[in-house]
């Protein structure tokens, strides 16, 4: 019998922030949204792709020479510390820009690079191969109430593979969680949910036009699916709100979000302030990032958001590592960065 095969960016063991207990989080590649703040940019496209990891690059030019599609151009990166003593006037190191429209994904450039300056994000694996890794920690799941979490990218962008993984986990009596934006047709999503115990559901913006502007898609389907999920009594659903500066942290949107979550009959919401290291991931692989790099979300603004949502009778959890000066009340749920695999 032919094995179902999918494409992954990472398998993270001993994850404690992607659902209850100790978990193994499997990051699937591909997403139907194009969020401007995505913390896992290497997981958006639906196929393996090459990224230039410029800190390792010695500017030998071998990759440009061998590329059959002439998909690589060379530019100068701005100095990392232009104002630091001794750096004045430095023009910065060279950086390779890969034209993803021209790239053939032949990976010849990766083969000729001896310094790991070119990395491939995305690896094909069968259900059995993934489950072999997941089952290694079954003892920890049983002791902690943990299990398997599927994240991404967006796991529902690979619906057959996602359902096959969840079904295989349930056959092994392993607890399952789905980390999703909910942007999938209900007939497909409903089948996936039949093998899911926990849903980690992101609410990115309540305003339809702004949701389109920042993610590339409407929130109509996302909200419709959330309400259908809430109506099921066989699932535990956690609402999570990524908190982005100037995107969805206005008082107007927070008020609308609090009112909406309250109307669903839910009592808890998890706030995920913008990750201070997300921009570094973009910089390291040569992708432009639209927000300040290395800056934590301001504590004062996070407290305001927490206060607004609390006014709707919600128990608001905050992820401590993402906020300046460490806000208390650490959440048990958190979105985890993936690691590029070669």
C-alpha atoms as a PDB file:
ATOM      1  CA  UNK A   1       0.000   0.000   0.000  1.00  0.00           C
ATOM      2  CA  UNK A   2       1.358   3.408  -1.012  1.00  0.00           C
ATOM      3  CA  UNK A   3       2.378   5.579   1.937  1.00  0.00           C
ATOM      4  CA  UNK A   4       0.919   9.083   2.315  1.00  0.00           C
ATOM      5  CA  UNK A   5       3.770  11.580   1.995  1.00  0.00           C
ATOM      6  CA  UNK A   6       4.018  15.191   3.155  1.00  0.00           C
ATOM      7  CA  UNK A   7       6.578  17.958   3.375  1.00  0.00           C
ATOM      8  CA  UNK A   8       7.951  19.212   6.713  1.00  0.00           C
ATOM      9  CA  UNK A   9      10.253  21.983   7.903  1.00  0.00           C
ATOM     10  CA  UNK A  10      10.952  20.591  11.371  1.00  0.00           C
ATOM     11  CA  UNK A  11      10.067  18.096  14.089  1.00  0.00           C
ATOM     12  CA  UNK A  12      10.515  19.636  17.524  1.00  0.00           C
ATOM     13  CA  UNK A  13      10.781  17.318  20.503  1.00  0.00           C
ATOM     14  CA  UNK A  14       9.842  18.164  24.106  1.00  0.00           C
ATOM     15  CA  UNK A  15       7.702  21.147  23.091  1.00  0.00           C
ATOM     16  CA  UNK A  16       5.884  22.555  26.112  1.00  0.00           C
ATOM     17  CA  UNK A  17       4.187  25.521  24.454  1.00  0.00           C
ATOM     18  CA  UNK A  18       2.072  23.923  21.731  1.00  0.00           C
ATOM     19  CA  UNK A  19      -0.686  22.395  23.808  1.00  0.00           C
ATOM     20  CA  UNK A  20      -1.014  20.591  27.144  1.00  0.00           C
ATOM     21  CA  UNK A  21       1.880  18.543  28.499  1.00  0.00           C
ATOM     22  CA  UNK A  22       5.108  17.549  26.768  1.00  0.00           C
ATOM     23  CA  UNK A  23       4.567  17.354  23.033  1.00  0.00           C
ATOM     24  CA  UNK A  24       6.239  16.656  19.735  1.00  0.00           C
ATOM     25  CA  UNK A  25       5.425  19.467  17.311  1.00  0.00           C
ATOM     26  CA  UNK A  26       5.533  18.622  13.612  1.00  0.00           C
ATOM     27  CA  UNK A  27       5.826  21.680  11.387  1.00  0.00           C
ATOM     28  CA  UNK A  28       4.287  21.162   7.958  1.00  0.00           C
ATOM     29  CA  UNK A  29       5.292  23.334   5.026  1.00  0.00           C
ATOM     30  CA  UNK A  30       2.880  25.509   3.079  1.00  0.00           C
ATOM     31  CA  UNK A  31       0.279  28.110   4.026  1.00  0.00           C
ATOM     32  CA  UNK A  32      -2.671  29.665   2.197  1.00  0.00           C
ATOM     33  CA  UNK A  33      -2.212  32.941   4.081  1.00  0.00           C
ATOM     34  CA  UNK A  34       0.608  35.399   3.532  1.00  0.00           C
ATOM     35  CA  UNK A  35       0.819  37.203   6.872  1.00  0.00           C
ATOM     36  CA  UNK A  36       3.251  40.110   6.759  1.00  0.00           C
ATOM     37  CA  UNK A  37       4.537  39.245  10.248  1.00  0.00           C
ATOM     38  CA  UNK A  38       4.841  35.462   9.794  1.00  0.00           C
ATOM     39  CA  UNK A  39       7.399  34.129  12.300  1.00  0.00           C
ATOM     40  CA  UNK A  40       8.143  31.102  10.110  1.00  0.00           C
ATOM     41  CA  UNK A  41       8.756  32.561   6.622  1.00  0.00           C
ATOM     42  CA  UNK A  42      10.511  29.394   5.504  1.00  0.00           C
ATOM     43  CA  UNK A  43       7.249  27.496   5.999  1.00  0.00           C
ATOM     44  CA  UNK A  44       4.979  29.530   3.718  1.00  0.00           C
ATOM     45  CA  UNK A  45       5.692  28.020   0.308  1.00  0.00           C
ATOM     46  CA  UNK A  46       4.405  24.531  -0.459  1.00  0.00           C
ATOM     47  CA  UNK A  47       7.657  23.010  -1.715  1.00  0.00           C
ATOM     48  CA  UNK A  48      11.318  22.690  -0.673  1.00  0.00           C
ATOM     49  CA  UNK A  49      13.249  25.881  -1.316  1.00  0.00           C
ATOM     50  CA  UNK A  50      16.734  27.297  -0.928  1.00  0.00           C
ATOM     51  CA  UNK A  51      17.627  30.133   1.431  1.00  0.00           C
ATOM     52  CA  UNK A  52      20.910  32.015   1.628  1.00  0.00           C
ATOM     53  CA  UNK A  53      22.265  31.935   5.177  1.00  0.00           C
ATOM     54  CA  UNK A  54      24.633  34.861   4.691  1.00  0.00           C
ATOM     55  CA  UNK A  55      26.565  34.681   8.014  1.00  0.00           C
ATOM     56  CA  UNK A  56      28.240  31.495   6.736  1.00  0.00           C
ATOM     57  CA  UNK A  57      28.927  32.815   3.245  1.00  0.00           C
ATOM     58  CA  UNK A  58      32.564  33.444   2.167  1.00  0.00           C
ATOM     59  CA  UNK A  59      31.487  35.049  -1.137  1.00  0.00           C
ATOM     60  CA  UNK A  60      33.238  32.422  -3.279  1.00  0.00           C
ATOM     61  CA  UNK A  61      30.674  32.741  -6.076  1.00  0.00           C
ATOM     62  CA  UNK A  62      30.370  28.997  -6.732  1.00  0.00           C
ATOM     63  CA  UNK A  63      26.598  29.039  -6.294  1.00  0.00           C
ATOM     64  CA  UNK A  64      26.092  31.802  -8.853  1.00  0.00           C
ATOM     65  CA  UNK A  65      28.377  30.060 -11.310  1.00  0.00           C
ATOM     66  CA  UNK A  66      26.598  26.717 -11.158  1.00  0.00           C
ATOM     67  CA  UNK A  67      23.001  28.003 -11.100  1.00  0.00           C
ATOM     68  CA  UNK A  68      21.405  26.900 -14.427  1.00  0.00           C
ATOM     69  CA  UNK A  69      18.572  29.439 -14.123  1.00  0.00           C
ATOM     70  CA  UNK A  70      20.692  32.508 -13.321  1.00  0.00           C
ATOM     71  CA  UNK A  71      18.422  32.946 -10.278  1.00  0.00           C
ATOM     72  CA  UNK A  72      21.016  34.517  -7.993  1.00  0.00           C
ATOM     73  CA  UNK A  73      22.082  38.130  -7.734  1.00  0.00           C
ATOM     74  CA  UNK A  74      24.720  39.613  -5.472  1.00  0.00           C
ATOM     75  CA  UNK A  75      24.134  42.742  -3.391  1.00  0.00           C
ATOM     76  CA  UNK A  76      25.710  44.408  -0.371  1.00  0.00           C
ATOM     77  CA  UNK A  77      24.124  43.986   3.062  1.00  0.00           C
ATOM     78  CA  UNK A  78      24.100  47.029   5.323  1.00  0.00           C
ATOM     79  CA  UNK A  79      26.545  46.779   8.256  1.00  0.00           C
ATOM     80  CA  UNK A  80      25.013  45.128  11.314  1.00  0.00           C
ATOM     81  CA  UNK A  81      26.498  47.736  13.679  1.00  0.00           C
ATOM     82  CA  UNK A  82      27.037  50.874  11.540  1.00  0.00           C
ATOM     83  CA  UNK A  83      27.426  53.217  14.532  1.00  0.00           C
ATOM     84  CA  UNK A  84      29.748  51.004  16.543  1.00  0.00           C
ATOM     85  CA  UNK A  85      33.341  52.152  16.959  1.00  0.00           C
ATOM     86  CA  UNK A  86      35.511  50.704  14.239  1.00  0.00           C
ATOM     87  CA  UNK A  87      32.584  50.038  11.886  1.00  0.00           C
ATOM     88  CA  UNK A  88      32.191  53.558  10.489  1.00  0.00           C
ATOM     89  CA  UNK A  89      32.322  53.539   6.718  1.00  0.00           C
ATOM     90  CA  UNK A  90      31.996  49.766   6.423  1.00  0.00           C
ATOM     91  CA  UNK A  91      29.912  48.809   3.398  1.00  0.00           C
ATOM     92  CA  UNK A  92      28.708  45.506   4.799  1.00  0.00           C
ATOM     93  CA  UNK A  93      29.106  41.957   3.540  1.00  0.00           C
ATOM     94  CA  UNK A  94      27.807  40.549   0.289  1.00  0.00           C
ATOM     95  CA  UNK A  95      24.433  38.848   0.280  1.00  0.00           C
ATOM     96  CA  UNK A  96      22.939  36.537  -2.294  1.00  0.00           C
ATOM     97  CA  UNK A  97      19.357  37.249  -3.337  1.00  0.00           C
ATOM     98  CA  UNK A  98      17.542  34.258  -4.807  1.00  0.00           C
ATOM     99  CA  UNK A  99      14.810  34.965  -7.336  1.00  0.00           C
ATOM    100  CA  UNK A 100      12.230  32.395  -6.270  1.00  0.00           C
ATOM    101  CA  UNK A 101      10.321  32.780  -9.543  1.00  0.00           C
ATOM    102  CA  UNK A 102      13.391  31.744 -11.563  1.00  0.00           C
ATOM    103  CA  UNK A 103      14.758  29.140  -9.131  1.00  0.00           C
ATOM    104  CA  UNK A 104      14.356  25.544 -10.362  1.00  0.00           C
ATOM    105  CA  UNK A 105      14.913  24.025  -6.908  1.00  0.00           C
ATOM    106  CA  UNK A 106      17.566  21.769  -8.376  1.00  0.00           C
ATOM    107  CA  UNK A 107      19.729  22.373  -5.272  1.00  0.00           C
ATOM    108  CA  UNK A 108      22.978  22.307  -7.265  1.00  0.00           C
ATOM    109  CA  UNK A 109      23.999  25.468  -5.400  1.00  0.00           C
ATOM    110  CA  UNK A 110      23.546  23.669  -2.090  1.00  0.00           C
ATOM    111  CA  UNK A 111      25.743  20.809  -3.236  1.00  0.00           C
ATOM    112  CA  UNK A 112      28.674  23.055  -4.204  1.00  0.00           C
ATOM    113  CA  UNK A 113      28.569  25.107  -0.994  1.00  0.00           C
ATOM    114  CA  UNK A 114      31.037  23.772   1.574  1.00  0.00           C
ATOM    115  CA  UNK A 115      30.117  26.275   4.270  1.00  0.00           C
ATOM    116  CA  UNK A 116      26.378  25.650   4.829  1.00  0.00           C
ATOM    117  CA  UNK A 117      25.601  29.112   3.475  1.00  0.00           C
ATOM    118  CA  UNK A 118      22.757  27.679   1.395  1.00  0.00           C
ATOM    119  CA  UNK A 119      20.102  25.703   3.242  1.00  0.00           C
ATOM    120  CA  UNK A 120      17.011  23.854   2.105  1.00  0.00           C
ATOM    121  CA  UNK A 121      13.736  24.337   3.934  1.00  0.00           C
ATOM    122  CA  UNK A 122      11.460  21.381   3.399  1.00  0.00           C
ATOM    123  CA  UNK A 123      11.821  17.616   3.576  1.00  0.00           C
ATOM    124  CA  UNK A 124       9.506  14.917   2.249  1.00  0.00           C
ATOM    125  CA  UNK A 125       8.544  12.269   4.803  1.00  0.00           C
ATOM    126  CA  UNK A 126       5.996   9.468   4.985  1.00  0.00           C
ATOM    127  CA  UNK A 127       3.458   9.077   7.769  1.00  0.00           C
ATOM    128  CA  UNK A 128       5.402   6.116   9.153  1.00  0.00           C
ATOM    129  CA  UNK A 129       8.646   8.088   9.185  1.00  0.00           C
ATOM    130  CA  UNK A 130       7.073  10.929  11.123  1.00  0.00           C
ATOM    131  CA  UNK A 131       5.313   8.590  13.528  1.00  0.00           C
ATOM    132  CA  UNK A 132       8.567   6.759  14.204  1.00  0.00           C
ATOM    133  CA  UNK A 133       9.880  10.024  15.647  1.00  0.00           C
ATOM    134  CA  UNK A 134       6.670  10.871  17.471  1.00  0.00           C
ATOM    135  CA  UNK A 135       6.384   7.463  19.151  1.00  0.00           C
ATOM    136  CA  UNK A 136       9.873   7.684  20.647  1.00  0.00           C
ATOM    137  CA  UNK A 137       8.511   9.981  23.368  1.00  0.00           C
ATOM    138  CA  UNK A 138       5.205   8.261  24.050  1.00  0.00           C
ATOM    139  CA  UNK A 139       6.211   7.682  27.675  1.00  0.00           C
ATOM    140  CA  UNK A 140       6.519  11.446  28.216  1.00  0.00           C
ATOM    141  CA  UNK A 141       3.104  12.027  26.647  1.00  0.00           C
ATOM    142  CA  UNK A 142       1.500   9.506  28.960  1.00  0.00           C
ATOM    143  CA  UNK A 143       3.131  11.013  32.050  1.00  0.00           C
ATOM    144  CA  UNK A 144       2.414  14.673  31.199  1.00  0.00           C
ATOM    145  CA  UNK A 145      -0.841  14.527  29.274  1.00  0.00           C
ATOM    146  CA  UNK A 146       0.993  15.626  26.122  1.00  0.00           C
ATOM    147  CA  UNK A 147       1.077  14.276  22.614  1.00  0.00           C
ATOM    148  CA  UNK A 148       1.396  15.305  18.970  1.00  0.00           C
ATOM    149  CA  UNK A 149       0.835  18.861  17.718  1.00  0.00           C
ATOM    150  CA  UNK A 150       0.667  19.694  14.019  1.00  0.00           C
ATOM    151  CA  UNK A 151       1.758  23.236  13.188  1.00  0.00           C
ATOM    152  CA  UNK A 152       3.297  25.031  10.241  1.00  0.00           C
ATOM    153  CA  UNK A 153       3.021  26.821   7.945  1.00  0.00           C
ATOM    154  CA  UNK A 154      -0.544  25.687   8.010  1.00  0.00           C
ATOM    155  CA  UNK A 155      -1.202  21.955   8.539  1.00  0.00           C
ATOM    156  CA  UNK A 156      -4.595  22.073   6.805  1.00  0.00           C
ATOM    157  CA  UNK A 157      -2.790  23.167   3.625  1.00  0.00           C
ATOM    158  CA  UNK A 158      -1.743  19.484   3.434  1.00  0.00           C
ATOM    159  CA  UNK A 159      -5.135  18.047   4.414  1.00  0.00           C
ATOM    160  CA  UNK A 160      -4.633  14.404   3.427  1.00  0.00           C
ATOM    161  CA  UNK A 161      -1.243  14.149   5.110  1.00  0.00           C
ATOM    162  CA  UNK A 162      -2.484  16.003   8.205  1.00  0.00           C
ATOM    163  CA  UNK A 163      -5.470  13.707   8.575  1.00  0.00           C
ATOM    164  CA  UNK A 164      -3.304  10.631   8.043  1.00  0.00           C
ATOM    165  CA  UNK A 165      -0.871  11.768  10.769  1.00  0.00           C
ATOM    166  CA  UNK A 166      -3.615  12.550  13.254  1.00  0.00           C
ATOM    167  CA  UNK A 167      -5.365   9.270  12.530  1.00  0.00           C
ATOM    168  CA  UNK A 168      -2.111   7.344  13.017  1.00  0.00           C
ATOM    169  CA  UNK A 169      -1.562   9.106  16.343  1.00  0.00           C
ATOM    170  CA  UNK A 170      -5.051   8.273  17.571  1.00  0.00           C
ATOM    171  CA  UNK A 171      -4.515   4.620  16.625  1.00  0.00           C
ATOM    172  CA  UNK A 172      -1.511   4.707  18.986  1.00  0.00           C
ATOM    173  CA  UNK A 173      -3.676   6.440  21.622  1.00  0.00           C
ATOM    174  CA  UNK A 174      -1.582   9.607  21.370  1.00  0.00           C
ATOM    175  CA  UNK A 175      -3.247  12.914  22.212  1.00  0.00           C
ATOM    176  CA  UNK A 176      -3.455  15.291  19.214  1.00  0.00           C
ATOM    177  CA  UNK A 177      -3.541  19.066  18.728  1.00  0.00           C
ATOM    178  CA  UNK A 178      -4.013  21.173  15.602  1.00  0.00           C
ATOM    179  CA  UNK A 179      -2.418  24.618  15.362  1.00  0.00           C
ATOM    180  CA  UNK A 180      -4.401  26.372  12.628  1.00  0.00           C
ATOM    181  CA  UNK A 181      -5.602  29.629  11.123  1.00  0.00           C
ATOM    182  CA  UNK A 182      -8.829  27.869  10.183  1.00  0.00           C
ATOM    183  CA  UNK A 183      -8.590  28.934   6.553  1.00  0.00           C
ATOM    184  CA  UNK A 184      -9.867  25.765   4.898  1.00  0.00           C
ATOM    185  CA  UNK A 185     -13.210  24.566   3.579  1.00  0.00           C
ATOM    186  CA  UNK A 186     -15.396  23.162   6.341  1.00  0.00           C
ATOM    187  CA  UNK A 187     -15.902  19.673   4.793  1.00  0.00           C
ATOM    188  CA  UNK A 188     -12.121  19.175   4.763  1.00  0.00           C
ATOM    189  CA  UNK A 189     -11.511  20.775   8.154  1.00  0.00           C
ATOM    190  CA  UNK A 190     -14.326  18.772   9.748  1.00  0.00           C
ATOM    191  CA  UNK A 191     -12.732  15.472   8.701  1.00  0.00           C
ATOM    192  CA  UNK A 192      -9.407  16.573  10.197  1.00  0.00           C
ATOM    193  CA  UNK A 193     -11.108  17.561  13.456  1.00  0.00           C
ATOM    194  CA  UNK A 194     -12.520  14.047  13.847  1.00  0.00           C
ATOM    195  CA  UNK A 195      -8.984  12.980  14.844  1.00  0.00           C
ATOM    196  CA  UNK A 196      -8.150  16.091  16.895  1.00  0.00           C
ATOM    197  CA  UNK A 197      -8.352  16.608  20.670  1.00  0.00           C
ATOM    198  CA  UNK A 198      -7.180  20.242  20.951  1.00  0.00           C
ATOM    199  CA  UNK A 199      -7.445  23.149  18.524  1.00  0.00           C
ATOM    200  CA  UNK A 200      -5.074  26.115  18.820  1.00  0.00           C
ATOM    201  CA  UNK A 201      -6.941  28.724  16.791  1.00  0.00           C
ATOM    202  CA  UNK A 202      -5.486  32.076  15.752  1.00  0.00           C
ATOM    203  CA  UNK A 203      -7.590  35.232  15.565  1.00  0.00           C
ATOM    204  CA  UNK A 204      -5.471  37.724  13.657  1.00  0.00           C
ATOM    205  CA  UNK A 205      -7.884  40.625  13.058  1.00  0.00           C
ATOM    206  CA  UNK A 206     -11.638  41.151  13.389  1.00  0.00           C
ATOM    207  CA  UNK A 207     -11.840  43.796  10.651  1.00  0.00           C
ATOM    208  CA  UNK A 208     -12.369  42.100   7.288  1.00  0.00           C
ATOM    209  CA  UNK A 209     -10.565  44.663   5.116  1.00  0.00           C
ATOM    210  CA  UNK A 210      -7.586  44.898   7.438  1.00  0.00           C
ATOM    211  CA  UNK A 211      -7.414  41.115   7.642  1.00  0.00           C
ATOM    212  CA  UNK A 212      -7.148  41.017   3.848  1.00  0.00           C
ATOM    213  CA  UNK A 213      -4.511  43.748   3.878  1.00  0.00           C
ATOM    214  CA  UNK A 214      -2.256  42.006   6.409  1.00  0.00           C
ATOM    215  CA  UNK A 215      -2.825  38.323   5.556  1.00  0.00           C
ATOM    216  CA  UNK A 216      -3.918  38.328   1.929  1.00  0.00           C
ATOM    217  CA  UNK A 217      -7.286  36.666   2.639  1.00  0.00           C
ATOM    218  CA  UNK A 218     -10.653  37.525   4.150  1.00  0.00           C
ATOM    219  CA  UNK A 219     -11.517  36.413   7.692  1.00  0.00           C
ATOM    220  CA  UNK A 220     -15.047  35.315   6.698  1.00  0.00           C
ATOM    221  CA  UNK A 221     -14.211  31.620   6.392  1.00  0.00           C
ATOM    222  CA  UNK A 222     -11.995  31.739   9.485  1.00  0.00           C
ATOM    223  CA  UNK A 223     -14.759  33.121  11.704  1.00  0.00           C
ATOM    224  CA  UNK A 224     -17.380  30.784  10.228  1.00  0.00           C
ATOM    225  CA  UNK A 225     -15.189  27.760  10.893  1.00  0.00           C
ATOM    226  CA  UNK A 226     -14.368  28.880  14.436  1.00  0.00           C
ATOM    227  CA  UNK A 227     -18.045  29.079  15.337  1.00  0.00           C
ATOM    228  CA  UNK A 228     -18.602  25.602  13.925  1.00  0.00           C
ATOM    229  CA  UNK A 229     -15.641  24.264  15.903  1.00  0.00           C
ATOM    230  CA  UNK A 230     -16.946  25.816  19.121  1.00  0.00           C
ATOM    231  CA  UNK A 231     -20.277  24.066  18.581  1.00  0.00           C
ATOM    232  CA  UNK A 232     -18.582  20.665  18.744  1.00  0.00           C
ATOM    233  CA  UNK A 233     -18.435  19.180  22.231  1.00  0.00           C
ATOM    234  CA  UNK A 234     -15.636  16.725  21.446  1.00  0.00           C
ATOM    235  CA  UNK A 235     -12.916  19.389  21.145  1.00  0.00           C
ATOM    236  CA  UNK A 236     -11.087  21.777  23.443  1.00  0.00           C
ATOM    237  CA  UNK A 237     -10.404  25.053  21.645  1.00  0.00           C
ATOM    238  CA  UNK A 238      -7.829  27.673  22.633  1.00  0.00           C
ATOM    239  CA  UNK A 239      -8.121  31.122  21.061  1.00  0.00           C
ATOM    240  CA  UNK A 240      -4.793  32.808  20.441  1.00  0.00           C
ATOM    241  CA  UNK A 241      -4.289  36.407  19.355  1.00  0.00           C
ATOM    242  CA  UNK A 242      -0.896  37.355  17.875  1.00  0.00           C
ATOM    243  CA  UNK A 243      -0.265  40.924  19.040  1.00  0.00           C
ATOM    244  CA  UNK A 244       1.405  42.988  16.321  1.00  0.00           C
ATOM    245  CA  UNK A 245       2.388  46.665  16.632  1.00  0.00           C
ATOM    246  CA  UNK A 246       0.230  48.851  14.418  1.00  0.00           C
ATOM    247  CA  UNK A 247      -1.552  45.847  12.939  1.00  0.00           C
ATOM    248  CA  UNK A 248      -4.146  44.487  15.357  1.00  0.00           C
ATOM    249  CA  UNK A 249      -3.342  46.120  18.712  1.00  0.00           C
ATOM    250  CA  UNK A 250      -5.625  49.153  18.354  1.00  0.00           C
ATOM    251  CA  UNK A 251      -8.222  49.667  21.085  1.00  0.00           C
ATOM    252  CA  UNK A 252     -10.958  49.306  18.466  1.00  0.00           C
ATOM    253  CA  UNK A 253      -9.790  45.876  17.331  1.00  0.00           C
ATOM    254  CA  UNK A 254      -9.085  44.649  20.854  1.00  0.00           C
ATOM    255  CA  UNK A 255     -12.586  45.693  21.948  1.00  0.00           C
ATOM    256  CA  UNK A 256     -14.077  43.878  18.951  1.00  0.00           C
ATOM    257  CA  UNK A 257     -11.941  40.809  19.680  1.00  0.00           C
ATOM    258  CA  UNK A 258     -12.944  40.694  23.343  1.00  0.00           C
ATOM    259  CA  UNK A 259     -16.622  41.084  22.516  1.00  0.00           C
ATOM    260  CA  UNK A 260     -16.440  38.368  19.872  1.00  0.00           C
ATOM    261  CA  UNK A 261     -14.633  35.820  22.057  1.00  0.00           C
ATOM    262  CA  UNK A 262     -17.096  36.519  24.861  1.00  0.00           C
ATOM    263  CA  UNK A 263     -19.997  35.873  22.465  1.00  0.00           C
ATOM    264  CA  UNK A 264     -18.565  32.433  21.744  1.00  0.00           C
ATOM    265  CA  UNK A 265     -18.898  31.510  25.406  1.00  0.00           C
ATOM    266  CA  UNK A 266     -15.142  31.095  25.852  1.00  0.00           C
ATOM    267  CA  UNK A 267     -13.364  32.228  29.000  1.00  0.00           C
ATOM    268  CA  UNK A 268      -9.673  32.191  28.117  1.00  0.00           C
ATOM    269  CA  UNK A 269      -7.606  33.944  25.455  1.00  0.00           C
ATOM    270  CA  UNK A 270      -3.871  33.686  24.852  1.00  0.00           C
ATOM    271  CA  UNK A 271      -2.036  36.847  23.778  1.00  0.00           C
ATOM    272  CA  UNK A 272       1.122  36.260  21.746  1.00  0.00           C
ATOM    273  CA  UNK A 273       3.054  39.556  21.463  1.00  0.00           C
ATOM    274  CA  UNK A 274       5.334  39.927  18.455  1.00  0.00           C
ATOM    275  CA  UNK A 275       8.435  37.798  18.794  1.00  0.00           C
ATOM    276  CA  UNK A 276      11.535  40.003  19.218  1.00  0.00           C
ATOM    277  CA  UNK A 277      13.694  37.560  17.253  1.00  0.00           C
ATOM    278  CA  UNK A 278      11.376  37.026  14.291  1.00  0.00           C
ATOM    279  CA  UNK A 279      13.076  39.705  12.231  1.00  0.00           C
ATOM    280  CA  UNK A 280      16.436  38.023  12.740  1.00  0.00           C
ATOM    281  CA  UNK A 281      15.092  34.915  11.012  1.00  0.00           C
ATOM    282  CA  UNK A 282      14.137  37.038   8.016  1.00  0.00           C
ATOM    283  CA  UNK A 283      17.492  38.794   7.964  1.00  0.00           C
ATOM    284  CA  UNK A 284      19.441  35.551   8.214  1.00  0.00           C
ATOM    285  CA  UNK A 285      17.759  34.120   5.131  1.00  0.00           C
ATOM    286  CA  UNK A 286      17.683  37.378   3.166  1.00  0.00           C
ATOM    287  CA  UNK A 287      13.975  38.255   3.367  1.00  0.00           C
ATOM    288  CA  UNK A 288      12.676  41.761   4.053  1.00  0.00           C
ATOM    289  CA  UNK A 289      10.855  42.153   7.382  1.00  0.00           C
ATOM    290  CA  UNK A 290       8.256  44.974   7.743  1.00  0.00           C
ATOM    291  CA  UNK A 291       8.679  45.487  11.512  1.00  0.00           C
ATOM    292  CA  UNK A 292      11.574  46.657  13.714  1.00  0.00           C
ATOM    293  CA  UNK A 293      14.126  43.858  14.049  1.00  0.00           C
ATOM    294  CA  UNK A 294      15.068  42.726  17.544  1.00  0.00           C
ATOM    295  CA  UNK A 295      12.527  44.884  19.368  1.00  0.00           C
ATOM    296  CA  UNK A 296      10.263  43.296  21.962  1.00  0.00           C
ATOM    297  CA  UNK A 297       6.624  44.240  22.146  1.00  0.00           C
ATOM    298  CA  UNK A 298       6.309  47.105  24.703  1.00  0.00           C
ATOM    299  CA  UNK A 299       5.172  45.959  28.144  1.00  0.00           C
ATOM    300  CA  UNK A 300       2.890  48.960  28.611  1.00  0.00           C
ATOM    301  CA  UNK A 301       0.999  48.253  25.379  1.00  0.00           C
ATOM    302  CA  UNK A 302       0.738  44.546  26.229  1.00  0.00           C
ATOM    303  CA  UNK A 303      -0.803  45.425  29.605  1.00  0.00           C
ATOM    304  CA  UNK A 304      -3.315  47.718  27.895  1.00  0.00           C
ATOM    305  CA  UNK A 305      -4.337  44.901  25.543  1.00  0.00           C
ATOM    306  CA  UNK A 306      -4.626  42.538  28.490  1.00  0.00           C
ATOM    307  CA  UNK A 307      -6.792  45.020  30.408  1.00  0.00           C
ATOM    308  CA  UNK A 308      -9.143  45.572  27.474  1.00  0.00           C
ATOM    309  CA  UNK A 309      -9.718  41.862  26.934  1.00  0.00           C
ATOM    310  CA  UNK A 310     -10.064  41.241  30.676  1.00  0.00           C
ATOM    311  CA  UNK A 311     -12.914  43.771  30.774  1.00  0.00           C
ATOM    312  CA  UNK A 312     -14.980  41.246  28.801  1.00  0.00           C
ATOM    313  CA  UNK A 313     -14.677  38.685  31.576  1.00  0.00           C
ATOM    314  CA  UNK A 314     -11.856  36.830  29.862  1.00  0.00           C
ATOM    315  CA  UNK A 315      -8.884  35.188  31.550  1.00  0.00           C
ATOM    316  CA  UNK A 316      -6.017  36.612  29.494  1.00  0.00           C
ATOM    317  CA  UNK A 317      -2.775  34.651  29.383  1.00  0.00           C
ATOM    318  CA  UNK A 318       0.445  36.296  28.202  1.00  0.00           C
ATOM    319  CA  UNK A 319       3.547  34.581  26.825  1.00  0.00           C
ATOM    320  CA  UNK A 320       6.369  35.958  28.983  1.00  0.00           C
ATOM    321  CA  UNK A 321       9.335  35.680  26.606  1.00  0.00           C
ATOM    322  CA  UNK A 322       7.885  37.972  23.977  1.00  0.00           C
ATOM    323  CA  UNK A 323       7.367  41.111  26.057  1.00  0.00           C
ATOM    324  CA  UNK A 324       9.808  43.693  27.394  1.00  0.00           C
ATOM    325  CA  UNK A 325      10.666  43.297  31.088  1.00  0.00           C
ATOM    326  CA  UNK A 326       8.754  39.999  31.329  1.00  0.00           C
ATOM    327  CA  UNK A 327       5.056  40.227  32.026  1.00  0.00           C
ATOM    328  CA  UNK A 328       3.852  37.621  34.506  1.00  0.00           C
ATOM    329  CA  UNK A 329       1.212  34.931  33.944  1.00  0.00           C
ATOM    330  CA  UNK A 330       3.130  32.723  31.538  1.00  0.00           C
ATOM    331  CA  UNK A 331       0.934  30.926  29.027  1.00  0.00           C
ATOM    332  CA  UNK A 332       1.066  27.188  28.532  1.00  0.00           C
ATOM    333  CA  UNK A 333       0.559  27.730  24.841  1.00  0.00           C
ATOM    334  CA  UNK A 334       2.912  29.456  22.454  1.00  0.00           C
ATOM    335  CA  UNK A 335       3.744  29.582  18.783  1.00  0.00           C
ATOM    336  CA  UNK A 336       7.192  28.086  18.197  1.00  0.00           C
ATOM    337  CA  UNK A 337       9.726  29.071  15.566  1.00  0.00           C
ATOM    338  CA  UNK A 338      10.786  26.380  13.168  1.00  0.00           C
ATOM    339  CA  UNK A 339      14.350  25.517  12.243  1.00  0.00           C
ATOM    340  CA  UNK A 340      15.530  25.289   8.656  1.00  0.00           C
ATOM    341  CA  UNK A 341      16.410  21.733   7.717  1.00  0.00           C
ATOM    342  CA  UNK A 342      19.084  20.860   5.246  1.00  0.00           C
END
